[in-house]
Protein backbone atom coordinates (compact mmCIF):
# COMPACT_ATOMS: atom_id res chain seq x y z
CA MET A 1 -8.94 11.68 5.48
CA GLU A 2 -6.63 8.86 5.74
CA LYS A 3 -3.94 8.18 3.04
CA VAL A 4 -1.93 5.03 2.19
CA LYS A 5 1.66 5.13 1.65
CA VAL A 6 4.49 2.86 0.57
CA ILE A 7 8.06 3.36 2.12
CA LYS A 8 10.25 2.78 -1.04
CA GLU A 9 13.35 2.18 1.11
CA LYS A 10 11.47 -0.86 2.69
CA CYS A 11 9.66 -2.27 -0.28
CA ILE A 12 11.37 -5.34 -1.87
CA GLY A 13 8.57 -5.66 -4.59
CA CYS A 14 7.01 -8.94 -3.48
CA GLY A 15 3.69 -7.94 -4.96
CA MET A 16 1.29 -8.99 -2.04
CA CYS A 17 -0.03 -5.48 -1.89
CA VAL A 18 -0.57 -5.31 -5.54
CA GLY A 19 -2.30 -8.68 -5.69
CA GLN A 20 -4.64 -7.82 -2.74
CA ASN A 21 -5.47 -4.20 -3.52
CA PRO A 22 -4.77 -3.62 -7.33
CA GLY A 23 -6.94 -0.44 -7.08
CA TYR A 24 -4.52 1.14 -4.61
CA PHE A 25 -1.07 -0.36 -5.42
CA SER A 26 0.88 -1.07 -8.67
CA PHE A 27 4.45 -1.80 -9.53
CA GLY A 28 6.44 1.19 -10.67
CA ASP A 29 9.16 1.43 -13.23
CA ASP A 30 11.49 0.49 -10.37
CA GLY A 31 9.71 -2.93 -9.71
CA LEU A 32 8.60 -1.65 -6.43
CA SER A 33 5.12 -1.01 -5.08
CA THR A 34 3.64 2.49 -5.72
CA VAL A 35 0.50 3.92 -4.34
CA ILE A 36 -1.84 4.75 -7.38
CA LYS A 37 -4.82 5.84 -4.99
CA GLU A 38 -3.82 7.58 -1.81
CA ASP A 39 -7.11 8.28 -0.31
CA VAL A 40 -8.42 5.33 1.78
CA ASN A 41 -12.12 4.51 1.09
CA PRO A 42 -13.53 3.41 4.31
CA ASP A 43 -15.08 0.34 2.48
CA ASP A 44 -11.52 -0.66 1.53
CA LYS A 45 -9.87 -0.04 4.88
CA ALA A 46 -9.98 -3.64 6.06
CA SER A 47 -8.37 -5.00 2.87
CA ILE A 48 -5.54 -2.27 3.00
CA LEU A 49 -4.97 -3.29 6.76
CA GLU A 50 -4.49 -6.83 5.50
CA SER A 51 -1.93 -5.76 3.04
CA ILE A 52 -0.11 -3.82 5.92
CA GLU A 53 0.00 -6.92 7.94
CA MET A 54 0.91 -9.21 5.09
CA CYS A 55 3.90 -6.88 3.96
CA PRO A 56 7.13 -8.76 4.96
CA THR A 57 9.25 -5.48 5.25
CA GLU A 58 6.49 -3.37 7.09
CA ALA A 59 6.69 -0.88 4.00
CA ILE A 60 2.92 0.17 3.86
CA LEU A 61 1.22 2.35 6.30
CA ILE A 62 -1.93 4.58 6.62
CA GLU A 63 -1.43 8.04 7.76
CA GLU A 64 -4.04 10.75 8.73
CA GLU A 65 -3.78 13.77 6.51
CA LYS A 66 -2.92 16.77 8.48
């Protein structure tokens, strides 16, 4: 299973991921993006990959669960 992650140290809270994929990302109490649904649904993967490409700080990634 693939999981989406946000690297907090890189996130600047621009909100592009939250706007594009509100089912996966939300703003945390710190104003930064946080993952609210880790498991990547195959039907949503293309949209998540778009968020990864749009992220200005490359703070989002998809990892294969080990």
